[in-house]
């Protein structure tokens, strides 16, 4: 049976606790200024749960705090991954350092003060592609941190399947890792909160892998949560990670369970959707509704929001790592809040849902929401500091080891990035130890999770690359695979960057030294890759010739829509891609001769 809040015996009784001081922040994103029906506008009665001594008032404000795409970032993320931009009243933009679980805990605890009806929910990718402190221990540290953050419920994201369904179930239910065992003298207890997998079915039983929905209850107030991940998860996760699973349509699934919740008397419903959109501005406080309701956002979530049943009152989303608070009309034309809090714990969203006790539903005209920065100017939460210290002590002997040196930031940003070039070069050099005839390497941009920063992140010194920093860049433990392709297949693979599944949102492969071509973004579809410009070491690609191409195992399986890369022959499987990066940095840099960031000029961009 789907869970309700009393079904989790380890849950903390948050509503009986005194919390830290409240954060004084302005709330924006109100759906409408319209007054509530009946007596909801009657001053102290609104949302206070009192009615002049005659029992609770009709309307009760329910606070929904939410975040998404934490990816195990317990420590403050570095570089651009640890900053947000904020547009000022005069139109200028301010950059703010943000993120870190110690600060996130403090901000959430402050926000809850004075809100006895408070729920904390997440939109998936809490784990996976995590830094060393979490990833090295199969993300047990992050689950422990989320328990301390008093997360109530989350949807699953695609990264929750990086290690497969059994590992996800272990994170939910507890138990030591089947291979690595227990990391401490205490057995891992698992998540205090439910993971919701409404649209992820066991292929044999056709039942959801975990619970499809969960109901939060306090006194006479009930709010249901339905959790889904993007239907296209199998296209962006290794085949082994989703083996035996079926991913169903997000809208159909949400609508199905919304009907089921209403049949059970739950009329206030929130969908937690690990799929997202693309706002017109990267500033976290961009007014998404300034052009008009829903006009300031595009991408998959816009279509999903327009089709999810009007029975659903709000959508908490994720996946694209963008920040937005938008209203998008539901199929009945009523405005509905759609939110996302960027990624890596840099933001959290505070949404007020006004519950109507008479109808059991949310009064939509009163919904208001805003994203808030997880700034680092507040006290650290000591319990999270202790948790981080415990796991860092275990990770330090591995993570603090120096593996290379750089003369400046090696960033992952851009169509072609210096870090993408570095990783492709590392994989090509490693591939030539498998086969000296290896010709080139291709790296998917989504597999590069963070930049390498020149400034020291700990006591290692500026310019030193530690194993922990490299792990944060490439945390997936993909192998380096070497395959043979015809020139025609190689050209087709490059065209798949901007066509087919990737036409609307191109995925530009990072290329090793010697491969050059022109990407003409003024054209459409596959024509954006200028075929005649493709050169390897200055020579045109011969469609009938054979080329030995190195990729990671994800691409070698046809991931990210690169179906042609799944058709190679004469496959040689090497060590993991992180080992290839480590070997390259060690061999090609030293304290006296650090590696300089590349010019990122292998792909010529025409715009």
Protein backbone atom coordinates (compact mmCIF):
# COMPACT_ATOMS: atom_id res chain seq x y z
CA UNK A 1 0.00 0.00 0.00
CA UNK A 2 1.24 3.56 -0.65
CA UNK A 3 2.66 5.13 2.46
CA UNK A 4 1.24 7.83 4.68
CA UNK A 5 3.24 9.85 7.16
CA UNK A 6 2.60 7.62 10.22
CA UNK A 7 3.96 4.62 8.28
CA UNK A 8 7.57 5.70 8.86
CA UNK A 9 8.43 4.86 12.50
CA UNK A 10 11.82 6.60 12.31
CA UNK A 11 10.26 9.93 11.33
CA UNK A 12 11.10 12.84 13.56
CA UNK A 13 8.24 14.70 15.17
CA UNK A 14 9.19 17.99 13.59
CA UNK A 15 5.92 19.69 14.41
CA UNK A 16 6.67 19.47 18.13
CA UNK A 17 10.15 20.93 17.89
CA UNK A 18 11.39 24.46 18.44
CA UNK A 19 13.54 25.61 15.57
CA UNK A 20 16.06 28.37 14.92
CA UNK A 21 15.30 31.98 14.07
CA UNK A 22 13.23 32.74 11.00
CA UNK A 23 14.73 34.07 7.80
CA UNK A 24 13.32 37.47 6.89
CA UNK A 25 12.92 37.27 3.14
CA UNK A 26 10.47 38.66 0.66
CA UNK A 27 8.13 36.16 -0.98
CA UNK A 28 7.53 36.58 -4.70
CA UNK A 29 5.73 34.59 -7.35
CA UNK A 30 2.20 35.02 -5.98
CA UNK A 31 -0.27 33.37 -8.29
CA UNK A 32 -2.82 36.13 -7.90
CA UNK A 33 -3.73 38.96 -5.58
CA UNK A 34 -7.31 37.76 -5.39
CA UNK A 35 -8.78 37.43 -1.92
CA UNK A 36 -9.58 34.00 -0.56
CA UNK A 37 -13.21 32.92 -0.44
CA UNK A 38 -15.24 33.28 2.71
CA UNK A 39 -13.41 34.48 5.81
CA UNK A 40 -9.88 33.69 4.64
CA UNK A 41 -9.07 37.37 4.43
CA UNK A 42 -10.09 37.94 8.05
CA UNK A 43 -6.75 39.04 9.43
CA UNK A 44 -5.47 36.80 12.19
CA UNK A 45 -7.77 33.94 11.25
CA UNK A 46 -6.07 33.28 7.92
CA UNK A 47 -3.64 30.38 8.26
CA UNK A 48 -3.46 30.52 12.03
CA UNK A 49 -5.56 27.47 12.72
CA UNK A 50 -7.79 29.38 15.15
CA UNK A 51 -11.24 30.84 14.81
CA UNK A 52 -11.92 33.13 17.79
CA UNK A 53 -11.99 30.17 20.16
CA UNK A 54 -14.47 28.19 18.05
CA UNK A 55 -12.04 25.67 16.57
CA UNK A 56 -9.73 25.94 13.57
CA UNK A 57 -10.37 28.48 10.84
CA UNK A 58 -11.40 27.36 7.40
CA UNK A 59 -8.02 28.10 5.85
CA UNK A 60 -4.62 26.77 6.90
CA UNK A 61 -1.32 27.80 5.36
CA UNK A 62 0.90 24.82 4.63
CA UNK A 63 4.56 25.57 4.03
CA UNK A 64 6.22 23.49 1.30
CA UNK A 65 10.02 23.71 1.33
CA UNK A 66 11.65 22.01 -1.64
CA UNK A 67 14.95 21.49 -3.42
CA UNK A 68 16.30 19.20 -6.13
CA UNK A 69 19.44 17.76 -7.73
CA UNK A 70 21.60 17.80 -4.61
CA UNK A 71 23.90 15.12 -6.12
CA UNK A 72 25.57 14.39 -2.81
CA UNK A 73 27.06 17.87 -2.46
CA UNK A 74 27.42 17.88 1.30
CA UNK A 75 30.34 20.29 1.28
CA UNK A 76 30.01 23.69 -0.42
CA UNK A 77 30.47 23.13 -4.16
CA UNK A 78 33.37 24.98 -5.77
CA UNK A 79 33.66 27.21 -8.82
CA UNK A 80 30.54 28.07 -10.80
CA UNK A 81 28.82 25.04 -9.27
CA UNK A 82 28.85 26.91 -5.95
CA UNK A 83 27.46 30.24 -7.09
CA UNK A 84 24.14 31.76 -8.13
CA UNK A 85 23.41 35.05 -9.88
CA UNK A 86 20.83 37.50 -8.58
CA UNK A 87 19.40 40.38 -10.60
CA UNK A 88 19.29 43.62 -8.64
CA UNK A 89 16.54 46.29 -8.74
CA UNK A 90 18.72 48.45 -11.00
CA UNK A 91 19.18 45.59 -13.47
CA UNK A 92 22.73 44.72 -12.52
CA UNK A 93 23.64 41.15 -11.61
CA UNK A 94 25.23 40.05 -8.33
CA UNK A 95 27.06 36.74 -7.86
CA UNK A 96 26.57 34.95 -4.53
CA UNK A 97 28.47 31.97 -3.12
CA UNK A 98 25.88 29.33 -2.26
CA UNK A 99 25.40 25.74 -1.17
CA UNK A 100 26.68 23.31 1.40
CA UNK A 101 24.56 20.99 3.54
CA UNK A 102 25.64 22.72 6.77
CA UNK A 103 24.13 25.95 5.48
CA UNK A 104 21.14 24.31 3.83
CA UNK A 105 20.19 22.75 7.16
CA UNK A 106 20.35 26.12 8.90
CA UNK A 107 18.28 27.86 6.23
CA UNK A 108 15.59 25.17 6.28
CA UNK A 109 15.41 25.20 10.07
CA UNK A 110 15.11 28.97 10.09
CA UNK A 111 12.40 28.87 7.41
CA UNK A 112 10.32 26.36 9.38
CA UNK A 113 10.18 28.53 12.50
CA UNK A 114 6.63 29.75 13.03
CA UNK A 115 5.25 27.29 10.46
CA UNK A 116 3.87 24.27 12.34
CA UNK A 117 2.34 22.97 9.12
CA UNK A 118 5.58 22.52 7.19
CA UNK A 119 6.62 19.86 4.67
CA UNK A 120 10.04 19.40 3.03
CA UNK A 121 10.08 17.68 -0.36
CA UNK A 122 12.62 17.07 -3.11
CA UNK A 123 12.55 16.61 -6.86
CA UNK A 124 15.06 13.79 -7.30
CA UNK A 125 18.79 13.26 -7.94
CA UNK A 126 19.57 13.56 -4.27
CA UNK A 127 22.43 11.13 -4.92
CA UNK A 128 24.48 10.02 -7.90
CA UNK A 129 27.31 11.86 -9.66
CA UNK A 130 28.36 12.77 -6.13
CA UNK A 131 31.65 14.13 -4.80
CA UNK A 132 34.05 11.71 -3.13
CA UNK A 133 32.77 12.23 0.42
CA UNK A 134 29.46 10.70 -0.64
CA UNK A 135 30.20 8.74 -3.82
CA UNK A 136 33.05 6.75 -2.28
CA UNK A 137 30.56 5.33 0.23
CA UNK A 138 27.73 4.66 -2.23
CA UNK A 139 25.97 7.84 -1.05
CA UNK A 140 25.20 6.63 2.46
CA UNK A 141 26.53 9.96 3.83
CA UNK A 142 24.00 11.92 1.79
CA UNK A 143 21.08 9.80 2.95
CA UNK A 144 22.21 10.34 6.54
CA UNK A 145 22.42 14.10 5.90
CA UNK A 146 18.95 14.19 4.32
CA UNK A 147 17.59 12.42 7.38
CA UNK A 148 19.09 15.17 9.54
CA UNK A 149 17.67 17.80 7.17
CA UNK A 150 14.29 16.19 7.93
CA UNK A 151 13.38 15.62 4.32
CA UNK A 152 9.83 14.26 4.19
CA UNK A 153 9.61 12.84 0.68
CA UNK A 154 11.34 12.84 -2.70
CA UNK A 155 10.79 11.62 -6.21
CA UNK A 156 13.52 9.53 -7.81
CA UNK A 157 15.80 11.07 -10.38
CA UNK A 158 17.66 9.35 -13.20
CA UNK A 159 20.85 9.35 -11.10
CA UNK A 160 19.20 7.30 -8.39
CA UNK A 161 19.52 4.46 -10.92
CA UNK A 162 23.26 4.85 -11.52
CA UNK A 163 23.91 1.73 -9.44
CA UNK A 164 20.66 -0.04 -10.26
CA UNK A 165 17.31 -0.77 -8.65
CA UNK A 166 18.69 -2.98 -5.88
CA UNK A 167 21.02 -0.24 -4.69
CA UNK A 168 18.17 2.29 -4.73
CA UNK A 169 16.11 -0.09 -2.61
CA UNK A 170 19.05 -0.39 -0.19
CA UNK A 171 19.26 3.38 0.15
CA UNK A 172 15.56 3.38 0.96
CA UNK A 173 15.46 0.42 3.32
CA UNK A 174 18.98 0.24 4.76
CA UNK A 175 21.57 -2.50 5.07
CA UNK A 176 25.27 -2.68 4.32
CA UNK A 177 26.58 -2.58 0.76
CA UNK A 178 26.58 -6.07 -0.79
CA UNK A 179 30.18 -5.77 -1.98
CA UNK A 180 31.90 -3.18 0.20
CA UNK A 181 30.06 -4.09 3.40
CA UNK A 182 29.63 -1.70 6.33
CA UNK A 183 31.77 1.44 6.49
CA UNK A 184 31.36 2.01 10.21
CA UNK A 185 30.48 -0.09 13.23
CA UNK A 186 26.84 0.89 12.77
CA UNK A 187 24.56 -0.68 10.21
CA UNK A 188 23.28 1.75 7.57
CA UNK A 189 19.63 2.46 8.43
CA UNK A 190 18.46 3.85 5.10
CA UNK A 191 16.24 6.83 4.39
CA UNK A 192 13.72 8.15 6.92
CA UNK A 193 11.78 9.54 3.95
CA UNK A 194 10.06 7.68 1.10
CA UNK A 195 11.43 7.63 -2.42
CA UNK A 196 8.47 7.72 -4.83
CA UNK A 197 8.64 5.80 -8.12
CA UNK A 198 5.12 6.04 -9.55
CA UNK A 199 6.20 5.68 -13.20
CA UNK A 200 9.09 3.23 -12.65
CA UNK A 201 7.74 -0.29 -12.88
CA UNK A 202 9.21 -3.72 -12.36
CA UNK A 203 9.14 -5.22 -15.85
CA UNK A 204 7.83 -8.58 -14.59
CA UNK A 205 5.28 -7.52 -11.99
CA UNK A 206 4.29 -4.23 -13.69
CA UNK A 207 4.13 -2.65 -10.23
CA UNK A 208 6.01 0.46 -9.08
CA UNK A 209 9.52 -0.28 -7.86
CA UNK A 210 8.85 1.65 -4.64
CA UNK A 211 5.79 3.57 -3.41
CA UNK A 212 3.99 5.64 -6.08
CA UNK A 213 2.69 8.29 -3.66
CA UNK A 214 2.74 9.40 -0.05
CA UNK A 215 0.31 11.37 2.08
CA UNK A 216 1.39 13.94 4.65
CA UNK A 217 -1.07 14.38 7.50
CA UNK A 218 -1.35 16.74 10.44
CA UNK A 219 -4.61 16.88 12.35
CA UNK A 220 -7.29 17.41 9.68
CA UNK A 221 -4.91 18.58 6.92
CA UNK A 222 -3.83 16.09 4.24
CA UNK A 223 -1.51 16.67 1.27
CA UNK A 224 -0.66 13.92 -1.20
CA UNK A 225 2.63 13.67 -3.11
CA UNK A 226 3.11 11.74 -6.36
CA UNK A 227 6.70 11.14 -7.50
CA UNK A 228 7.89 10.47 -11.05
CA UNK A 229 11.15 10.64 -12.97
CA UNK A 230 11.63 11.46 -16.61
CA UNK A 231 10.37 8.82 -18.99
CA UNK A 232 13.62 9.05 -20.95
CA UNK A 233 15.78 7.82 -18.05
CA UNK A 234 16.90 4.68 -19.96
CA UNK A 235 18.45 6.96 -22.60
CA UNK A 236 20.71 8.72 -20.11
CA UNK A 237 21.56 5.96 -17.62
CA UNK A 238 23.68 2.89 -18.25
CA UNK A 239 21.67 -0.09 -19.44
CA UNK A 240 22.70 -2.09 -16.38
CA UNK A 241 21.29 0.59 -14.08
CA UNK A 242 17.76 0.29 -15.48
CA UNK A 243 17.78 -3.42 -16.26
CA UNK A 244 14.38 -5.01 -15.58
CA UNK A 245 12.61 -1.64 -15.27
CA UNK A 246 9.99 0.13 -17.38
CA UNK A 247 9.58 3.92 -17.35
CA UNK A 248 6.06 5.14 -18.11
CA UNK A 249 4.76 8.49 -19.34
CA UNK A 250 4.97 11.15 -16.63
CA UNK A 251 1.63 12.85 -17.32
CA UNK A 252 -0.38 9.65 -17.62
CA UNK A 253 1.13 8.33 -14.40
CA UNK A 254 0.51 11.49 -12.39
CA UNK A 255 -3.07 11.72 -13.62
CA UNK A 256 -3.69 8.07 -12.75
CA UNK A 257 -2.55 8.44 -9.16
CA UNK A 258 -4.19 11.85 -8.73
CA UNK A 259 -7.52 10.11 -9.39
CA UNK A 260 -6.61 7.39 -6.90
CA UNK A 261 -5.72 9.94 -4.23
CA UNK A 262 -8.98 11.81 -4.72
CA UNK A 263 -10.93 8.55 -4.44
CA UNK A 264 -9.23 8.11 -1.07
CA UNK A 265 -10.25 11.57 0.06
CA UNK A 266 -6.97 13.38 -0.61
CA UNK A 267 -7.73 16.45 -2.71
CA UNK A 268 -4.59 18.55 -2.12
CA UNK A 269 -1.93 17.06 -4.36
CA UNK A 270 1.66 17.97 -5.28
CA UNK A 271 3.60 16.26 -8.09
CA UNK A 272 7.34 15.77 -7.60
CA UNK A 273 8.71 15.49 -11.13
CA UNK A 274 12.32 14.83 -12.04
CA UNK A 275 12.07 16.66 -15.33
CA UNK A 276 12.57 20.33 -15.92
CA UNK A 277 12.67 23.36 -18.12
CA UNK A 278 14.79 26.22 -19.35
CA UNK A 279 13.99 29.72 -18.08
CA UNK A 280 14.78 32.72 -20.24
CA UNK A 281 17.26 33.98 -17.63
CA UNK A 282 19.88 32.25 -15.49
CA UNK A 283 19.29 34.65 -12.59
CA UNK A 284 17.65 32.67 -9.81
CA UNK A 285 15.16 35.47 -9.03
CA UNK A 286 14.11 36.02 -12.65
CA UNK A 287 10.40 36.83 -12.89
CA UNK A 288 9.33 33.87 -14.98
CA UNK A 289 5.82 35.29 -15.41
CA UNK A 290 6.89 38.78 -16.50
CA UNK A 291 6.15 38.12 -20.19
CA UNK A 292 2.94 36.25 -19.22
CA UNK A 293 2.05 33.12 -17.28
CA UNK A 294 4.41 30.36 -18.41
CA UNK A 295 5.96 32.48 -21.16
CA UNK A 296 9.34 32.68 -19.45
CA UNK A 297 10.09 28.96 -19.54
CA UNK A 298 10.49 26.33 -22.24
CA UNK A 299 11.42 22.67 -22.37
CA UNK A 300 9.78 19.40 -21.34
CA UNK A 301 8.24 20.65 -18.09
CA UNK A 302 6.20 23.28 -19.92
CA UNK A 303 4.37 20.59 -21.90
CA UNK A 304 4.02 18.34 -18.86
CA UNK A 305 2.56 21.15 -16.77
CA UNK A 306 0.01 22.00 -19.43
CA UNK A 307 -1.28 18.42 -19.45
CA UNK A 308 -1.13 17.25 -15.83
CA UNK A 309 -4.62 16.99 -14.32
CA UNK A 310 -6.09 20.08 -12.65
CA UNK A 311 -6.44 17.85 -9.58
CA UNK A 312 -2.72 18.50 -8.98
CA UNK A 313 -2.12 21.81 -7.20
CA UNK A 314 1.63 22.37 -7.63
CA UNK A 315 4.63 20.88 -9.43
CA UNK A 316 8.10 20.59 -7.86
CA UNK A 317 10.55 19.80 -10.66
CA UNK A 318 14.27 19.29 -11.34
CA UNK A 319 16.76 17.62 -13.68
CA UNK A 320 17.82 20.66 -15.74
CA UNK A 321 19.61 22.30 -12.77
CA UNK A 322 17.82 25.57 -13.49
CA UNK A 323 16.07 27.92 -11.09
CA UNK A 324 12.51 29.07 -11.73
CA UNK A 325 9.22 29.87 -10.06
CA UNK A 326 6.58 30.02 -12.76
CA UNK A 327 2.85 29.76 -13.12
CA UNK A 328 1.72 27.61 -16.04
CA UNK A 329 -2.01 27.21 -16.69
CA UNK A 330 -3.37 23.69 -16.12
CA UNK A 331 -5.69 22.02 -18.69
CA UNK A 332 -8.65 23.85 -17.12
CA UNK A 333 -6.90 27.19 -17.59
CA UNK A 334 -6.22 27.73 -13.88
CA UNK A 335 -2.78 29.04 -12.91
CA UNK A 336 -0.54 26.47 -11.21
CA UNK A 337 2.86 26.90 -9.59
CA UNK A 338 5.88 25.12 -11.14
CA UNK A 339 9.19 25.40 -9.30
CA UNK A 340 12.82 24.29 -9.44
CA UNK A 341 15.68 25.21 -7.08
CA UNK A 342 18.71 24.92 -9.38
CA UNK A 343 21.09 22.22 -8.08
CA UNK A 344 23.77 21.21 -5.55
CA UNK A 345 21.86 22.69 -2.60
CA UNK A 346 22.43 26.30 -3.71
CA UNK A 347 18.75 27.25 -3.40
CA UNK A 348 15.58 26.11 -1.72
CA UNK A 349 12.01 26.99 -2.64
CA UNK A 350 9.47 28.21 -0.09
CA UNK A 351 5.89 27.75 -1.29
CA UNK A 352 2.75 28.58 0.66
CA UNK A 353 -0.18 26.29 -0.07
CA UNK A 354 -3.41 27.52 1.51
CA UNK A 355 -5.48 24.49 2.52
CA UNK A 356 -9.26 24.86 2.54
CA UNK A 357 -10.64 22.68 5.34
CA UNK A 358 -14.13 22.85 3.86
CA UNK A 359 -13.16 21.38 0.49
CA UNK A 360 -9.92 19.59 1.45
CA UNK A 361 -8.28 21.29 -1.53
CA UNK A 362 -5.72 24.04 -2.07
CA UNK A 363 -7.04 27.56 -2.69
CA UNK A 364 -4.98 28.19 -5.82
CA UNK A 365 -5.43 31.96 -5.86
CA UNK A 366 -3.48 32.15 -2.61
CA UNK A 367 -0.46 30.08 -3.65
CA UNK A 368 2.80 31.99 -3.48
CA UNK A 369 6.37 30.84 -3.93
CA UNK A 370 9.96 32.06 -4.12
CA UNK A 371 13.45 30.66 -4.43
CA UNK A 372 15.91 31.58 -1.67
CA UNK A 373 19.69 31.45 -1.69
CA UNK A 374 21.45 28.97 0.59
CA UNK A 375 23.95 31.67 1.50
CA UNK A 376 27.02 30.96 3.57
CA UNK A 377 26.60 33.91 5.93
CA UNK A 378 24.57 31.90 8.47
CA UNK A 379 25.89 29.61 11.22
CA UNK A 380 26.74 26.08 10.15
CA UNK A 381 24.48 23.33 11.46
CA UNK A 382 26.71 21.54 13.94
CA UNK A 383 25.11 18.13 13.43
CA UNK A 384 25.81 18.28 9.70
CA UNK A 385 29.35 19.52 10.38
CA UNK A 386 29.89 16.47 12.56
CA UNK A 387 28.53 14.14 9.90
CA UNK A 388 30.78 15.65 7.22
CA UNK A 389 33.77 15.38 9.53
CA UNK A 390 33.09 11.71 10.22
CA UNK A 391 32.94 10.76 6.55
CA UNK A 392 35.83 13.04 5.56
CA UNK A 393 38.02 11.28 8.09
CA UNK A 394 37.26 7.97 6.37
CA UNK A 395 37.76 9.44 2.88
CA UNK A 396 40.88 11.54 3.57
CA UNK A 397 43.56 8.89 2.95
CA UNK A 398 42.18 8.39 -0.54
CA UNK A 399 40.83 11.83 -1.37
CA UNK A 400 43.71 14.05 -0.31
CA UNK A 401 46.26 12.36 -2.53
CA UNK A 402 47.72 14.75 -5.15
CA UNK A 403 47.44 13.40 -8.70
CA UNK A 404 48.32 16.44 -10.84
CA UNK A 405 48.90 20.16 -11.16
CA UNK A 406 47.18 22.92 -13.16
CA UNK A 407 48.18 26.52 -13.84
CA UNK A 408 44.61 27.90 -13.84
CA UNK A 409 40.96 26.93 -13.66
CA UNK A 410 40.13 24.13 -16.10
CA UNK A 411 36.42 24.73 -16.58
CA UNK A 412 33.69 22.50 -17.93
CA UNK A 413 31.62 25.38 -19.29
CA UNK A 414 31.08 26.09 -22.97
CA UNK A 415 30.13 24.19 -26.11
CA UNK A 416 33.69 22.88 -26.13
CA UNK A 417 35.40 23.20 -22.78
CA UNK A 418 39.02 23.06 -21.62
CA UNK A 419 38.10 20.28 -19.23
CA UNK A 420 36.31 18.37 -21.97
CA UNK A 421 39.46 18.56 -24.09
CA UNK A 422 41.57 17.38 -21.15
CA UNK A 423 39.36 14.36 -20.46
CA UNK A 424 39.19 13.37 -24.14
CA UNK A 425 42.99 13.63 -24.40
CA UNK A 426 43.35 11.51 -21.27
CA UNK A 427 41.09 8.82 -22.68
CA UNK A 428 42.92 8.78 -26.00
CA UNK A 429 46.30 8.45 -24.29
CA UNK A 430 44.95 5.64 -22.11
CA UNK A 431 43.32 3.93 -25.11
CA UNK A 432 46.69 3.81 -26.85
CA UNK A 433 47.95 1.62 -24.01
CA UNK A 434 45.20 -0.84 -25.03
CA UNK A 435 45.86 -0.44 -28.76
CA UNK A 436 48.60 1.82 -30.18
CA UNK A 437 46.41 2.36 -33.26
CA UNK A 438 43.72 4.29 -31.31
CA UNK A 439 42.79 7.36 -33.38
CA UNK A 440 40.58 9.62 -31.26
CA UNK A 441 38.38 9.90 -28.19
CA UNK A 442 34.91 11.33 -27.61
CA UNK A 443 33.48 12.36 -24.23
CA UNK A 444 29.86 13.15 -23.38
CA UNK A 445 29.45 16.57 -21.70
CA UNK A 446 26.96 15.24 -19.13
CA UNK A 447 29.66 12.98 -17.72
CA UNK A 448 31.73 16.00 -16.66
CA UNK A 449 30.27 17.03 -13.33
CA UNK A 450 32.47 19.89 -12.08
CA UNK A 451 35.37 22.11 -13.09
CA UNK A 452 38.92 21.78 -11.79
CA UNK A 453 39.66 24.95 -9.86
CA UNK A 454 43.12 26.41 -9.33
CA UNK A 455 42.37 27.65 -5.82
CA UNK A 456 42.94 25.06 -3.11
CA UNK A 457 39.79 23.39 -1.78
CA UNK A 458 41.63 22.20 1.36
CA UNK A 459 45.18 22.11 2.58
CA UNK A 460 46.69 20.81 -0.66
CA UNK A 461 47.76 24.21 -2.03
CA UNK A 462 46.77 26.20 -5.12
CA UNK A 463 47.03 24.39 -8.44
CA UNK A 464 47.12 20.92 -6.90
CA UNK A 465 44.55 18.45 -8.24
CA UNK A 466 43.57 15.89 -5.62
CA UNK A 467 41.95 12.53 -6.20
CA UNK A 468 38.82 13.86 -4.49
CA UNK A 469 38.61 16.76 -6.95
CA UNK A 470 39.06 14.43 -9.93
CA UNK A 471 36.44 12.09 -8.49
CA UNK A 472 33.99 14.99 -8.37
CA UNK A 473 34.67 15.62 -12.07
CA UNK A 474 34.16 11.97 -13.14
CA UNK A 475 32.25 10.03 -10.48
CA UNK A 476 30.47 7.42 -12.60
CA UNK A 477 33.07 4.63 -12.72
CA UNK A 478 32.55 4.18 -16.46
CA UNK A 479 35.18 2.13 -18.23
CA UNK A 480 37.19 3.39 -21.19
CA UNK A 481 36.08 1.39 -24.23
CA UNK A 482 37.87 1.23 -27.57
CA UNK A 483 35.87 0.32 -30.67
CA UNK A 484 36.21 0.31 -34.44
CA UNK A 485 33.90 2.49 -36.56
CA UNK A 486 33.80 3.33 -40.24
CA UNK A 487 34.34 6.93 -41.23
CA UNK A 488 30.69 7.05 -42.22
CA UNK A 489 29.66 5.95 -38.72
CA UNK A 490 31.98 8.51 -37.13
CA UNK A 491 30.41 11.30 -39.19
CA UNK A 492 26.94 10.04 -38.28
CA UNK A 493 27.83 9.99 -34.57
CA UNK A 494 28.92 13.62 -34.75
CA UNK A 495 25.65 14.52 -36.47
CA UNK A 496 23.71 12.82 -33.69
CA UNK A 497 24.96 15.61 -31.40
CA UNK A 498 22.44 17.95 -33.02
CA UNK A 499 19.80 15.69 -34.52
CA UNK A 500 17.34 13.01 -33.50
CA UNK A 501 16.94 12.90 -29.73
CA UNK A 502 19.45 15.75 -29.37
CA UNK A 503 18.05 18.15 -31.97
CA UNK A 504 16.16 20.37 -29.51
CA UNK A 505 18.90 20.32 -26.86
CA UNK A 506 22.24 19.50 -28.53
CA UNK A 507 24.81 17.41 -26.66
CA UNK A 508 28.19 18.39 -28.04
CA UNK A 509 30.81 15.68 -27.57
CA UNK A 510 34.19 16.77 -26.29
CA UNK A 511 36.93 15.73 -28.70
CA UNK A 512 40.57 14.71 -28.39
CA UNK A 513 43.48 16.57 -29.93
CA UNK A 514 43.63 16.14 -33.69
CA UNK A 515 39.89 16.00 -34.39
CA UNK A 516 38.51 19.28 -35.73
CA UNK A 517 35.31 20.37 -37.42
CA UNK A 518 32.88 23.29 -37.78
CA UNK A 519 29.56 23.49 -35.96
CA UNK A 520 27.25 25.91 -37.77
CA UNK A 521 24.50 26.85 -35.33
CA UNK A 522 22.76 29.03 -37.92
CA UNK A 523 21.58 25.81 -39.59
CA UNK A 524 19.15 23.18 -38.32
CA UNK A 525 19.33 19.51 -37.43
CA UNK A 526 22.21 17.35 -38.62
CA UNK A 527 23.29 20.06 -41.08
CA UNK A 528 24.75 21.97 -38.14
CA UNK A 529 27.74 19.63 -38.32
CA UNK A 530 29.58 20.70 -41.49
CA UNK A 531 30.60 17.35 -42.95
CA UNK A 532 33.33 18.66 -45.26
CA UNK A 533 35.05 20.36 -42.31
CA UNK A 534 35.64 17.19 -40.27
CA UNK A 535 39.36 16.46 -40.10
CA UNK A 536 41.55 14.04 -38.18
CA UNK A 537 45.13 15.27 -37.91
CA UNK A 538 44.43 17.57 -40.84
CA UNK A 539 43.03 14.90 -43.18
CA UNK A 540 39.39 14.51 -44.21
CA UNK A 541 37.48 11.56 -42.75
CA UNK A 542 37.28 8.71 -45.27
CA UNK A 543 33.73 7.26 -45.04
CA UNK A 544 34.96 3.78 -46.01
CA UNK A 545 38.04 3.69 -43.75
CA UNK A 546 38.14 2.24 -40.24
CA UNK A 547 38.90 4.30 -37.12
CA UNK A 548 39.62 3.20 -33.57
CA UNK A 549 37.55 5.42 -31.25
CA UNK A 550 37.72 5.61 -27.45
CA UNK A 551 34.61 6.47 -25.46
CA UNK A 552 33.37 5.72 -21.99
CA UNK A 553 31.13 2.70 -21.48
CA UNK A 554 28.02 4.89 -21.29
CA UNK A 555 28.56 6.20 -24.83
CA UNK A 556 29.70 2.76 -26.00
CA UNK A 557 26.24 1.56 -25.00
CA UNK A 558 24.55 4.19 -27.18
CA UNK A 559 23.76 6.55 -24.28
CA UNK A 560 22.59 10.17 -24.67
CA UNK A 561 21.02 9.39 -28.04
CA UNK A 562 24.31 8.38 -29.71
CA UNK A 563 22.94 5.14 -31.12
CA UNK A 564 25.75 4.86 -33.67
CA UNK A 565 28.35 4.74 -30.89
CA UNK A 566 26.60 1.60 -29.67
CA UNK A 567 27.34 -0.13 -32.98
CA UNK A 568 31.15 -0.35 -32.79
CA UNK A 569 33.11 -3.56 -33.29
CA UNK A 570 36.31 -5.09 -31.90
CA UNK A 571 35.53 -3.75 -28.44
CA UNK A 572 38.37 -3.51 -25.93
CA UNK A 573 37.35 -2.65 -22.37
CA UNK A 574 39.89 -0.91 -20.17
CA UNK A 575 40.06 0.57 -16.68
CA UNK A 576 37.65 3.21 -15.40
CA UNK A 577 37.70 6.71 -16.84
CA UNK A 578 38.81 8.28 -13.56
CA UNK A 579 41.95 6.13 -13.60
CA UNK A 580 42.63 7.34 -17.16
CA UNK A 581 42.33 10.97 -16.03
CA UNK A 582 44.58 10.35 -13.02
CA UNK A 583 47.25 8.67 -15.13
CA UNK A 584 47.19 11.52 -17.65
CA UNK A 585 47.50 14.25 -15.03
CA UNK A 586 50.32 12.42 -13.25
CA UNK A 587 52.24 11.83 -16.47
CA UNK A 588 51.76 15.28 -17.97
CA UNK A 589 52.03 17.71 -15.06
CA UNK A 590 54.21 18.48 -12.08
CA UNK A 591 54.54 21.19 -9.45
CA UNK A 592 57.18 22.89 -11.58
CA UNK A 593 55.38 22.33 -14.86
CA UNK A 594 51.63 22.50 -14.29
CA UNK A 595 49.15 21.72 -17.04
CA UNK A 596 47.67 24.81 -18.71
CA UNK A 597 43.98 24.91 -19.70
CA UNK A 598 43.50 24.23 -23.40
CA UNK A 599 42.30 26.91 -25.79
CA UNK A 600 39.16 24.83 -26.53
CA UNK A 601 39.52 25.57 -30.25
CA UNK A 602 39.02 22.14 -31.80
CA UNK A 603 35.41 22.86 -32.71
CA UNK A 604 34.83 26.03 -34.72
CA UNK A 605 31.48 27.55 -33.75
CA UNK A 606 29.46 29.58 -36.26
CA UNK A 607 26.55 31.48 -34.69
